[in-house]
Amino acid sequence: MSMTAEKTVRELALENTTATRVFEKLGIDYCCGGNKSLGEACRASNLAMEEVIDSLEMAEEAEHAAQKDRNWQTEPLADFVAHIKNTHHKYTREEMARLVPLLDKVFSVHGKNHPELQNVS
């Protein structure tokens, strides 16, 4: 992912989902404040842009390293089941816990104009 001070935080979040976790940790709003450039968001939050970019790059690299290819056709079934449970089920539980407050925020901001969001949250 190409990260520059001019790119909006929304663009960065859409290009790489690991960016959303970094932004949340640093207090950078990529939803309602997503039209800000990365540089503007860093200045507004008193963050060093170089450090934010380093954090984004490290998160992206860690994500790629975690996705090492394994040939599940040759692995024991028990290993495959454990991988699904420990990787995908764990990830889903963690993401649902993280997404519920975000959905509540989106509904509180946009729910009046989009009542269908109530069905999601």
Foldseek 3Di string as FASTA:
>chain_A
DDADQAAFLLVVCVVDVLSVVLCVVLVQDCDPRRVHGLNVSCVVSVHDSVVSVVVSVVSVVVVVVVPDDDDVVPDDPVVVVCCCCVPVVVVVVVVVVVCVVVLVVCCVVCCVVPVVSVVVD
